[in-house]
């Protein structure tokens, strides 16, 4: 077999179109969705979402399977079930992050209610320790998350977090979207 015959399937229109679509999907995810998610969600909210999102991903996979089955002939369906299940598994695993990023974007676009959490400021200026305490589970320790929270507060015309002293209380308003994940706007 000549090299040109081996390369021919890689240059076919469907394969090139598939590659272009995949590149566009991953560019959309990496350059558009990820920055939005990074600018509006805290890590603790993302972790709790990813622990619960498997239910939604299972629903998405089932819907994809139904759509796929509707486009196939019923006679060939029984022969194709193993291929369908295997394909859905790989699609599910390959696009898991993309589907969760889309869901977080939808969550950000659909505000259901606002939640106000009260934090106690832990600020030791001598040792350069700063964090927001609201119990073990919902405290904000990470410097990037504190910066994000401070940036959102300043954008809303509120006092900077770093102007508070040890023991002061701060209220931070979160919005909750359709998937019940907190985000800051």
N, C-alpha and C. Protein backbone atom coordinates (compact mmCIF):
# COMPACT_ATOMS: atom_id res chain seq x y z
N UNK A 1 0.84 -1.17 0.00
CA UNK A 1 0.00 0.00 0.00
C UNK A 1 0.90 1.24 0.00
N UNK A 2 0.61 2.16 -0.91
CA UNK A 2 1.40 3.38 -1.02
C UNK A 2 1.03 4.35 0.10
N UNK A 3 1.94 5.26 0.36
CA UNK A 3 1.72 6.25 1.41
C UNK A 3 0.52 7.12 1.09
N UNK A 4 0.34 7.49 -0.17
CA UNK A 4 -0.79 8.35 -0.54
C UNK A 4 -2.13 7.67 -0.25
N UNK A 5 -2.17 6.34 -0.38
CA UNK A 5 -3.39 5.61 -0.07
C UNK A 5 -3.65 5.57 1.44
N UNK A 6 -2.60 5.60 2.23
CA UNK A 6 -2.76 5.62 3.68
C UNK A 6 -3.21 7.00 4.17
N UNK A 7 -2.77 8.04 3.49
CA UNK A 7 -3.10 9.40 3.91
C UNK A 7 -4.48 9.82 3.42
N UNK A 8 -4.96 9.22 2.36
CA UNK A 8 -6.24 9.62 1.75
C UNK A 8 -7.39 9.70 2.76
N UNK A 9 -7.57 8.72 3.68
CA UNK A 9 -8.67 8.86 4.64
C UNK A 9 -8.52 10.09 5.55
N UNK A 10 -7.28 10.51 5.79
CA UNK A 10 -7.05 11.67 6.64
C UNK A 10 -7.35 12.99 5.94
N UNK A 11 -7.47 12.96 4.63
CA UNK A 11 -7.76 14.19 3.88
C UNK A 11 -9.17 14.20 3.31
N UNK A 12 -9.98 13.24 3.69
CA UNK A 12 -11.35 13.23 3.19
C UNK A 12 -12.14 14.37 3.81
N UNK A 13 -13.16 14.84 3.13
CA UNK A 13 -13.97 15.97 3.61
C UNK A 13 -14.59 15.71 4.98
N UNK A 14 -15.19 14.54 5.22
CA UNK A 14 -15.77 14.31 6.55
C UNK A 14 -14.74 14.37 7.68
N UNK A 15 -13.55 13.80 7.43
CA UNK A 15 -12.53 13.81 8.47
C UNK A 15 -12.02 15.22 8.74
N UNK A 16 -11.78 15.99 7.69
CA UNK A 16 -11.32 17.37 7.85
C UNK A 16 -12.39 18.20 8.55
N UNK A 17 -13.65 18.02 8.17
CA UNK A 17 -14.75 18.73 8.82
C UNK A 17 -14.84 18.36 10.30
N UNK A 18 -14.69 17.08 10.59
CA UNK A 18 -14.70 16.61 11.98
C UNK A 18 -13.57 17.28 12.77
N UNK A 19 -12.38 17.34 12.21
CA UNK A 19 -11.24 17.96 12.90
C UNK A 19 -11.48 19.44 13.13
N UNK A 20 -12.03 20.13 12.14
CA UNK A 20 -12.31 21.56 12.29
C UNK A 20 -13.34 21.78 13.40
N UNK A 21 -14.38 20.97 13.42
CA UNK A 21 -15.41 21.09 14.46
C UNK A 21 -14.82 20.84 15.84
N UNK A 22 -13.98 19.82 15.96
CA UNK A 22 -13.35 19.52 17.26
C UNK A 22 -12.46 20.67 17.71
N UNK A 23 -11.69 21.24 16.80
CA UNK A 23 -10.82 22.37 17.14
C UNK A 23 -11.66 23.55 17.60
N UNK A 24 -12.75 23.83 16.89
CA UNK A 24 -13.62 24.94 17.27
C UNK A 24 -14.26 24.72 18.64
N UNK A 25 -14.68 23.49 18.92
CA UNK A 25 -15.28 23.19 20.23
C UNK A 25 -14.26 23.41 21.35
N UNK A 26 -13.05 22.90 21.17
CA UNK A 26 -12.05 23.04 22.23
C UNK A 26 -11.55 24.49 22.36
N UNK A 27 -11.51 25.23 21.25
CA UNK A 27 -11.16 26.66 21.34
C UNK A 27 -12.26 27.44 22.05
N UNK A 28 -13.50 27.14 21.74
CA UNK A 28 -14.63 27.80 22.40
C UNK A 28 -14.58 27.53 23.90
N UNK A 29 -14.30 26.29 24.26
CA UNK A 29 -14.22 25.93 25.67
C UNK A 29 -13.04 26.63 26.36
N UNK A 30 -11.88 26.56 25.75
CA UNK A 30 -10.68 27.08 26.38
C UNK A 30 -10.58 28.60 26.41
N UNK A 31 -11.02 29.25 25.34
CA UNK A 31 -10.83 30.69 25.24
C UNK A 31 -12.06 31.51 25.59
N UNK A 32 -13.22 30.90 25.65
CA UNK A 32 -14.43 31.65 25.98
C UNK A 32 -15.04 31.20 27.31
N UNK A 33 -15.32 29.89 27.43
CA UNK A 33 -16.01 29.40 28.62
C UNK A 33 -15.13 29.40 29.87
N UNK A 34 -13.91 28.89 29.76
CA UNK A 34 -13.04 28.78 30.94
C UNK A 34 -12.77 30.13 31.60
N UNK A 35 -12.46 31.21 30.84
CA UNK A 35 -12.26 32.51 31.51
C UNK A 35 -13.51 33.01 32.23
N UNK A 36 -14.69 32.78 31.66
CA UNK A 36 -15.92 33.20 32.32
C UNK A 36 -16.10 32.44 33.63
N UNK A 37 -15.86 31.14 33.58
CA UNK A 37 -16.00 30.31 34.78
C UNK A 37 -14.99 30.74 35.85
N UNK A 38 -13.76 30.99 35.43
CA UNK A 38 -12.72 31.40 36.37
C UNK A 38 -13.04 32.75 37.02
N UNK A 39 -13.72 33.63 36.28
CA UNK A 39 -14.03 34.97 36.80
C UNK A 39 -15.28 35.03 37.68
N UNK A 40 -16.04 33.96 37.75
CA UNK A 40 -17.31 34.04 38.48
C UNK A 40 -17.52 32.96 39.54
N UNK A 41 -16.72 31.91 39.54
CA UNK A 41 -16.95 30.79 40.46
C UNK A 41 -15.76 30.60 41.39
N UNK A 42 -16.07 30.26 42.63
CA UNK A 42 -15.04 29.87 43.59
C UNK A 42 -14.79 28.37 43.46
N UNK A 43 -13.59 27.93 43.83
CA UNK A 43 -13.23 26.52 43.69
C UNK A 43 -14.15 25.59 44.47
N UNK A 44 -14.56 26.01 45.68
CA UNK A 44 -15.42 25.13 46.49
C UNK A 44 -16.76 24.91 45.79
N UNK A 45 -17.27 25.93 45.09
CA UNK A 45 -18.53 25.77 44.37
C UNK A 45 -18.35 24.88 43.14
N UNK A 46 -17.21 25.02 42.46
CA UNK A 46 -16.93 24.17 41.30
C UNK A 46 -16.78 22.71 41.71
N UNK A 47 -16.12 22.47 42.83
CA UNK A 47 -15.94 21.09 43.30
C UNK A 47 -17.27 20.44 43.66
N UNK A 48 -18.13 21.17 44.34
CA UNK A 48 -19.43 20.59 44.70
C UNK A 48 -20.28 20.37 43.45
N UNK A 49 -20.16 21.26 42.47
CA UNK A 49 -20.90 21.08 41.21
C UNK A 49 -20.42 19.83 40.48
N UNK A 50 -19.11 19.66 40.39
CA UNK A 50 -18.58 18.51 39.65
C UNK A 50 -18.90 17.19 40.34
N UNK A 51 -19.09 17.22 41.66
CA UNK A 51 -19.50 16.01 42.37
C UNK A 51 -20.95 15.64 42.06
N UNK A 52 -21.78 16.62 41.77
CA UNK A 52 -23.20 16.38 41.50
C UNK A 52 -23.56 16.35 40.03
N UNK A 53 -22.66 16.77 39.16
CA UNK A 53 -23.00 16.94 37.75
C UNK A 53 -23.13 15.63 36.99
N UNK A 54 -22.68 14.52 37.56
CA UNK A 54 -22.75 13.25 36.85
C UNK A 54 -24.18 12.91 36.47
N UNK A 55 -25.16 13.35 37.27
CA UNK A 55 -26.57 13.08 36.96
C UNK A 55 -26.96 13.76 35.66
N UNK A 56 -26.55 15.01 35.52
CA UNK A 56 -26.87 15.76 34.30
C UNK A 56 -26.12 15.18 33.10
N UNK A 57 -24.88 14.76 33.31
CA UNK A 57 -24.12 14.17 32.21
C UNK A 57 -24.73 12.86 31.76
N UNK A 58 -25.25 12.10 32.69
CA UNK A 58 -25.93 10.86 32.33
C UNK A 58 -27.17 11.16 31.50
N UNK A 59 -27.89 12.19 31.86
CA UNK A 59 -29.07 12.61 31.10
C UNK A 59 -28.67 13.06 29.70
N UNK A 60 -27.59 13.83 29.59
CA UNK A 60 -27.10 14.27 28.28
C UNK A 60 -26.72 13.07 27.42
N UNK A 61 -26.02 12.10 28.00
CA UNK A 61 -25.63 10.90 27.26
C UNK A 61 -26.86 10.12 26.80
N UNK A 62 -27.87 10.02 27.65
CA UNK A 62 -29.11 9.31 27.27
C UNK A 62 -29.82 10.05 26.13
N UNK A 63 -29.86 11.37 26.19
CA UNK A 63 -30.49 12.14 25.11
C UNK A 63 -29.73 11.98 23.80
N UNK A 64 -28.40 11.98 23.89
CA UNK A 64 -27.60 11.75 22.68
C UNK A 64 -27.86 10.36 22.11
N UNK A 65 -28.01 9.38 22.98
CA UNK A 65 -28.29 8.02 22.52
C UNK A 65 -29.65 7.96 21.82
N UNK A 66 -30.64 8.62 22.37
CA UNK A 66 -31.98 8.62 21.76
C UNK A 66 -31.94 9.29 20.40
N UNK A 67 -31.26 10.42 20.30
CA UNK A 67 -31.15 11.11 19.01
C UNK A 67 -30.42 10.23 18.01
N UNK A 68 -29.36 9.59 18.45
CA UNK A 68 -28.58 8.72 17.57
C UNK A 68 -29.43 7.54 17.08
N UNK A 69 -30.20 6.97 17.98
CA UNK A 69 -31.05 5.82 17.62
C UNK A 69 -32.14 6.24 16.65
N UNK A 70 -32.69 7.42 16.82
CA UNK A 70 -33.74 7.89 15.91
C UNK A 70 -33.24 8.06 14.48
N UNK A 71 -31.97 8.36 14.31
CA UNK A 71 -31.42 8.52 12.98
C UNK A 71 -31.01 7.19 12.34
N UNK A 72 -31.06 6.13 13.08
CA UNK A 72 -30.66 4.83 12.54
C UNK A 72 -31.90 4.01 12.17
N UNK A 73 -31.69 3.04 11.33
CA UNK A 73 -32.78 2.13 10.99
C UNK A 73 -32.94 1.13 12.13
N UNK A 74 -34.18 0.77 12.41
CA UNK A 74 -34.48 -0.13 13.53
C UNK A 74 -33.85 -1.51 13.32
N UNK A 75 -33.83 -2.00 12.09
CA UNK A 75 -33.28 -3.34 11.84
C UNK A 75 -31.81 -3.43 12.22
N UNK A 76 -31.09 -2.39 11.91
CA UNK A 76 -29.65 -2.41 12.19
C UNK A 76 -29.35 -2.07 13.65
N UNK A 77 -30.34 -1.63 14.36
CA UNK A 77 -30.15 -1.20 15.74
C UNK A 77 -29.60 -2.32 16.63
N UNK A 78 -30.18 -3.51 16.52
CA UNK A 78 -29.73 -4.61 17.37
C UNK A 78 -28.28 -4.98 17.10
N UNK A 79 -27.87 -4.86 15.87
CA UNK A 79 -26.48 -5.17 15.53
C UNK A 79 -25.53 -4.07 16.02
N UNK A 80 -26.05 -2.87 16.13
CA UNK A 80 -25.21 -1.71 16.43
C UNK A 80 -25.16 -1.34 17.92
N UNK A 81 -25.94 -2.00 18.77
CA UNK A 81 -26.01 -1.62 20.19
C UNK A 81 -24.63 -1.58 20.85
N UNK A 82 -23.76 -2.57 20.68
CA UNK A 82 -22.44 -2.47 21.31
C UNK A 82 -21.63 -1.26 20.81
N UNK A 83 -21.73 -0.99 19.52
CA UNK A 83 -21.01 0.15 18.95
C UNK A 83 -21.57 1.46 19.50
N UNK A 84 -22.90 1.54 19.61
CA UNK A 84 -23.55 2.74 20.14
C UNK A 84 -23.11 2.97 21.59
N UNK A 85 -23.16 1.93 22.40
CA UNK A 85 -22.79 2.08 23.81
C UNK A 85 -21.33 2.48 23.97
N UNK A 86 -20.47 1.86 23.19
CA UNK A 86 -19.05 2.19 23.25
C UNK A 86 -18.81 3.63 22.79
N UNK A 87 -19.46 4.03 21.71
CA UNK A 87 -19.31 5.40 21.19
C UNK A 87 -19.81 6.42 22.20
N UNK A 88 -20.96 6.15 22.81
CA UNK A 88 -21.50 7.07 23.80
C UNK A 88 -20.57 7.20 25.01
N UNK A 89 -19.98 6.09 25.41
CA UNK A 89 -19.04 6.14 26.52
C UNK A 89 -17.87 7.06 26.20
N UNK A 90 -17.30 6.91 25.00
CA UNK A 90 -16.15 7.74 24.63
C UNK A 90 -16.55 9.20 24.43
N UNK A 91 -17.73 9.45 23.88
CA UNK A 91 -18.20 10.83 23.74
C UNK A 91 -18.42 11.43 25.13
N UNK A 92 -19.03 10.65 25.99
CA UNK A 92 -19.30 11.10 27.36
C UNK A 92 -18.00 11.45 28.08
N UNK A 93 -17.00 10.59 27.98
CA UNK A 93 -15.74 10.83 28.67
C UNK A 93 -14.93 11.94 28.00
N UNK A 94 -14.96 12.00 26.67
CA UNK A 94 -14.18 13.00 25.96
C UNK A 94 -14.70 14.41 26.12
N UNK A 95 -16.01 14.54 26.26
CA UNK A 95 -16.61 15.86 26.35
C UNK A 95 -17.13 16.18 27.75
N UNK A 96 -16.70 15.42 28.72
CA UNK A 96 -17.17 15.61 30.09
C UNK A 96 -16.90 17.04 30.58
N UNK A 97 -15.70 17.52 30.39
CA UNK A 97 -15.35 18.87 30.83
C UNK A 97 -16.11 19.92 30.02
N UNK A 98 -16.23 19.70 28.72
CA UNK A 98 -16.95 20.65 27.88
C UNK A 98 -18.41 20.75 28.30
N UNK A 99 -19.05 19.61 28.56
CA UNK A 99 -20.45 19.62 28.99
C UNK A 99 -20.60 20.33 30.34
N UNK A 100 -19.67 20.08 31.25
CA UNK A 100 -19.78 20.74 32.56
C UNK A 100 -19.52 22.24 32.43
N UNK A 101 -18.62 22.65 31.54
CA UNK A 101 -18.38 24.08 31.32
C UNK A 101 -19.60 24.75 30.69
N UNK A 102 -20.26 24.07 29.77
CA UNK A 102 -21.49 24.61 29.17
C UNK A 102 -22.56 24.76 30.26
N UNK A 103 -22.67 23.76 31.12
CA UNK A 103 -23.67 23.82 32.20
C UNK A 103 -23.36 24.97 33.16
N UNK A 104 -22.09 25.19 33.48
CA UNK A 104 -21.73 26.30 34.35
C UNK A 104 -22.02 27.65 33.69
N UNK A 105 -21.81 27.72 32.39
CA UNK A 105 -22.13 28.95 31.66
C UNK A 105 -23.64 29.20 31.68
N UNK A 106 -24.42 28.15 31.46
CA UNK A 106 -25.88 28.28 31.52
C UNK A 106 -26.30 28.69 32.93
N UNK A 107 -25.67 28.09 33.94
CA UNK A 107 -25.96 28.45 35.33
C UNK A 107 -25.69 29.93 35.56
N UNK A 108 -24.60 30.43 35.01
CA UNK A 108 -24.23 31.84 35.17
C UNK A 108 -25.23 32.76 34.47
N UNK A 109 -25.80 32.31 33.37
CA UNK A 109 -26.75 33.13 32.61
C UNK A 109 -28.15 33.13 33.21
N UNK A 110 -28.46 32.17 34.06
CA UNK A 110 -29.82 32.04 34.60
C UNK A 110 -29.80 32.24 36.11
N UNK A 111 -30.10 33.44 36.54
CA UNK A 111 -30.13 33.73 37.98
C UNK A 111 -31.47 33.32 38.56
N UNK A 112 -31.44 32.50 39.58
CA UNK A 112 -32.66 32.08 40.27
C UNK A 112 -32.87 32.89 41.55
N UNK A 113 -31.83 32.99 42.37
CA UNK A 113 -31.96 33.74 43.62
C UNK A 113 -30.59 34.21 44.07
N UNK A 114 -30.60 35.12 45.04
CA UNK A 114 -29.36 35.62 45.62
C UNK A 114 -29.20 35.07 47.03
N UNK A 115 -27.95 34.80 47.36
CA UNK A 115 -27.62 34.28 48.68
C UNK A 115 -26.55 35.19 49.27
N UNK A 116 -26.73 35.58 50.51
CA UNK A 116 -25.73 36.39 51.20
C UNK A 116 -25.10 35.56 52.30
N UNK A 117 -23.78 35.41 52.23
CA UNK A 117 -23.05 34.67 53.26
C UNK A 117 -22.24 35.66 54.09
N UNK A 118 -22.18 35.39 55.38
CA UNK A 118 -21.42 36.24 56.28
C UNK A 118 -20.10 35.55 56.63
N UNK A 119 -19.01 36.28 56.46
CA UNK A 119 -17.67 35.76 56.73
C UNK A 119 -17.02 36.61 57.81
N UNK A 120 -16.17 35.98 58.61
CA UNK A 120 -15.35 36.69 59.58
C UNK A 120 -13.96 36.86 58.99
N UNK A 121 -13.45 38.07 59.04
CA UNK A 121 -12.13 38.36 58.46
C UNK A 121 -11.04 37.91 59.42
N UNK A 122 -10.12 37.12 58.91
CA UNK A 122 -8.92 36.73 59.65
C UNK A 122 -7.78 37.45 58.94
N UNK A 123 -7.26 38.49 59.58
CA UNK A 123 -6.27 39.34 58.94
C UNK A 123 -5.11 39.59 59.90
N UNK A 124 -4.01 38.90 59.69
CA UNK A 124 -2.79 39.12 60.46
C UNK A 124 -1.80 39.81 59.53
N UNK A 125 -1.75 41.12 59.60
CA UNK A 125 -0.92 41.88 58.66
C UNK A 125 0.57 41.60 58.86
N UNK A 126 0.98 41.30 60.08
CA UNK A 126 2.40 41.05 60.35
C UNK A 126 2.87 39.77 59.64
N UNK A 127 2.05 38.74 59.69
CA UNK A 127 2.43 37.46 59.08
C UNK A 127 1.85 37.30 57.68
N UNK A 128 1.20 38.33 57.19
CA UNK A 128 0.60 38.34 55.85
C UNK A 128 -0.37 37.18 55.64
N UNK A 129 -1.22 36.96 56.63
CA UNK A 129 -2.25 35.93 56.54
C UNK A 129 -3.59 36.63 56.41
N UNK A 130 -4.34 36.25 55.41
CA UNK A 130 -5.66 36.84 55.20
C UNK A 130 -6.58 35.76 54.65
N UNK A 131 -7.69 35.56 55.31
CA UNK A 131 -8.71 34.66 54.80
C UNK A 131 -10.05 35.01 55.39
N UNK A 132 -11.09 34.42 54.82
CA UNK A 132 -12.46 34.69 55.26
C UNK A 132 -13.02 33.41 55.85
N UNK A 133 -13.46 33.49 57.09
CA UNK A 133 -13.92 32.30 57.80
C UNK A 133 -15.45 32.28 57.86
N UNK A 134 -16.01 31.15 57.44
CA UNK A 134 -17.47 30.94 57.54
C UNK A 134 -17.73 29.48 57.85
N UNK A 135 -16.97 28.91 58.75
CA UNK A 135 -17.08 27.49 59.03
C UNK A 135 -16.04 26.74 58.21
N UNK A 136 -15.83 25.50 58.54
CA UNK A 136 -14.80 24.71 57.87
C UNK A 136 -15.06 24.51 56.38
N UNK A 137 -16.30 24.34 56.01
CA UNK A 137 -16.62 24.00 54.62
C UNK A 137 -16.59 25.21 53.69
N UNK A 138 -17.12 26.33 54.12
CA UNK A 138 -17.27 27.45 53.20
C UNK A 138 -16.32 28.62 53.43
N UNK A 139 -15.22 28.41 54.11
CA UNK A 139 -14.23 29.47 54.28
C UNK A 139 -13.47 29.68 52.98
N UNK A 140 -12.98 30.90 52.79
CA UNK A 140 -12.21 31.22 51.58
C UNK A 140 -10.77 31.45 52.01
N UNK A 141 -9.88 30.52 51.62
CA UNK A 141 -8.47 30.57 52.00
C UNK A 141 -7.57 30.98 50.84
N UNK A 142 -7.91 30.57 49.66
CA UNK A 142 -7.05 30.74 48.49
C UNK A 142 -6.91 32.22 48.12
N UNK A 143 -5.69 32.65 47.87
CA UNK A 143 -5.43 34.06 47.58
C UNK A 143 -6.14 34.50 46.29
N UNK A 144 -6.15 33.64 45.27
CA UNK A 144 -6.83 33.99 44.01
C UNK A 144 -8.33 34.18 44.23
N UNK A 145 -8.91 33.35 45.06
CA UNK A 145 -10.34 33.47 45.34
C UNK A 145 -10.64 34.73 46.16
N UNK A 146 -9.75 35.06 47.07
CA UNK A 146 -9.92 36.30 47.84
C UNK A 146 -9.79 37.50 46.90
N UNK A 147 -8.82 37.44 45.98
CA UNK A 147 -8.67 38.51 44.99
C UNK A 147 -9.92 38.64 44.13
N UNK A 148 -10.46 37.51 43.68
CA UNK A 148 -11.67 37.52 42.87
C UNK A 148 -12.84 38.13 43.65
N UNK A 149 -12.99 37.71 44.89
CA UNK A 149 -14.06 38.23 45.74
C UNK A 149 -13.90 39.73 45.95
N UNK A 150 -12.67 40.16 46.21
CA UNK A 150 -12.39 41.58 46.41
C UNK A 150 -12.68 42.38 45.13
N UNK A 151 -12.28 41.83 44.01
CA UNK A 151 -12.53 42.49 42.71
C UNK A 151 -14.03 42.66 42.46
N UNK A 152 -14.81 41.63 42.75
CA UNK A 152 -16.26 41.70 42.54
C UNK A 152 -16.90 42.71 43.50
N UNK A 153 -16.39 42.76 44.74
CA UNK A 153 -16.92 43.74 45.70
C UNK A 153 -16.63 45.16 45.24
N UNK A 154 -15.40 45.41 44.80
CA UNK A 154 -15.04 46.75 44.32
C UNK A 154 -15.88 47.14 43.10
N UNK A 155 -16.12 46.19 42.21
CA UNK A 155 -16.92 46.48 41.01
C UNK A 155 -18.36 46.86 41.37
N UNK A 156 -18.83 46.35 42.51
CA UNK A 156 -20.18 46.68 42.97
C UNK A 156 -20.20 47.89 43.91
N UNK A 157 -19.06 48.58 44.03
CA UNK A 157 -19.00 49.79 44.84
C UNK A 157 -18.88 49.54 46.33
N UNK A 158 -18.44 48.36 46.72
CA UNK A 158 -18.30 48.02 48.14
C UNK A 158 -16.85 48.18 48.59
N UNK A 159 -16.66 48.23 49.88
CA UNK A 159 -15.34 48.39 50.49
C UNK A 159 -14.46 47.17 50.20
N UNK A 160 -13.18 47.41 49.97
CA UNK A 160 -12.23 46.33 49.70
C UNK A 160 -12.11 45.42 50.92
N UNK A 161 -11.94 44.15 50.68
CA UNK A 161 -11.78 43.18 51.77
C UNK A 161 -10.53 43.48 52.60
N UNK A 162 -9.50 43.99 51.95
CA UNK A 162 -8.23 44.19 52.63
C UNK A 162 -8.24 45.40 53.56
N UNK A 163 -9.33 46.16 53.56
CA UNK A 163 -9.47 47.29 54.49
C UNK A 163 -10.12 46.88 55.80
N UNK A 164 -10.54 45.63 55.89
CA UNK A 164 -11.16 45.14 57.12
C UNK A 164 -10.09 44.64 58.08
N UNK A 165 -10.41 44.67 59.36
CA UNK A 165 -9.49 44.22 60.40
C UNK A 165 -9.89 42.83 60.89
N UNK A 166 -9.02 42.25 61.68
CA UNK A 166 -9.26 40.93 62.26
C UNK A 166 -10.57 40.95 63.05
N UNK A 167 -11.44 39.97 62.78
CA UNK A 167 -12.68 39.82 63.51
C UNK A 167 -13.87 40.56 62.92
N UNK A 168 -13.63 41.44 61.96
CA UNK A 168 -14.75 42.13 61.31
C UNK A 168 -15.57 41.12 60.51
N UNK A 169 -16.84 41.42 60.33
CA UNK A 169 -17.68 40.54 59.51
C UNK A 169 -17.94 41.20 58.16
N UNK A 170 -17.95 40.38 57.14
CA UNK A 170 -18.15 40.83 55.77
C UNK A 170 -19.27 40.00 55.17
N UNK A 171 -20.16 40.65 54.47
CA UNK A 171 -21.21 39.92 53.77
C UNK A 171 -20.89 39.90 52.28
N UNK A 172 -20.95 38.70 51.71
CA UNK A 172 -20.69 38.52 50.28
C UNK A 172 -21.94 37.94 49.65
N UNK A 173 -22.37 38.57 48.57
CA UNK A 173 -23.58 38.14 47.89
C UNK A 173 -23.22 37.25 46.71
N UNK A 174 -23.82 36.09 46.69
CA UNK A 174 -23.68 35.16 45.58
C UNK A 174 -25.02 35.05 44.87
N UNK A 175 -24.96 34.69 43.62
CA UNK A 175 -26.18 34.38 42.89
C UNK A 175 -26.17 32.88 42.64
N UNK A 176 -27.35 32.32 42.57
CA UNK A 176 -27.48 30.88 42.34
C UNK A 176 -28.26 30.70 41.05
N UNK A 177 -27.71 29.90 40.14
CA UNK A 177 -28.33 29.69 38.84
C UNK A 177 -29.19 28.45 38.79
N UNK A 178 -29.53 28.05 37.59
CA UNK A 178 -30.46 26.95 37.35
C UNK A 178 -29.92 25.61 37.87
N UNK A 179 -28.59 25.44 37.87
CA UNK A 179 -28.00 24.20 38.37
C UNK A 179 -27.62 24.29 39.85
N UNK A 180 -28.10 25.34 40.52
CA UNK A 180 -27.93 25.54 41.96
C UNK A 180 -26.46 25.68 42.37
N UNK A 181 -25.68 26.34 41.52
CA UNK A 181 -24.27 26.59 41.83
C UNK A 181 -24.11 28.08 42.09
N UNK A 182 -23.44 28.41 43.19
CA UNK A 182 -23.21 29.82 43.53
C UNK A 182 -22.17 30.42 42.59
N UNK A 183 -22.41 31.68 42.22
CA UNK A 183 -21.43 32.44 41.45
C UNK A 183 -21.51 33.90 41.86
N UNK A 184 -20.45 34.62 41.57
CA UNK A 184 -20.41 36.06 41.88
C UNK A 184 -20.52 36.85 40.59
N UNK A 185 -21.25 37.95 40.69
CA UNK A 185 -21.41 38.78 39.50
C UNK A 185 -20.95 40.19 39.79
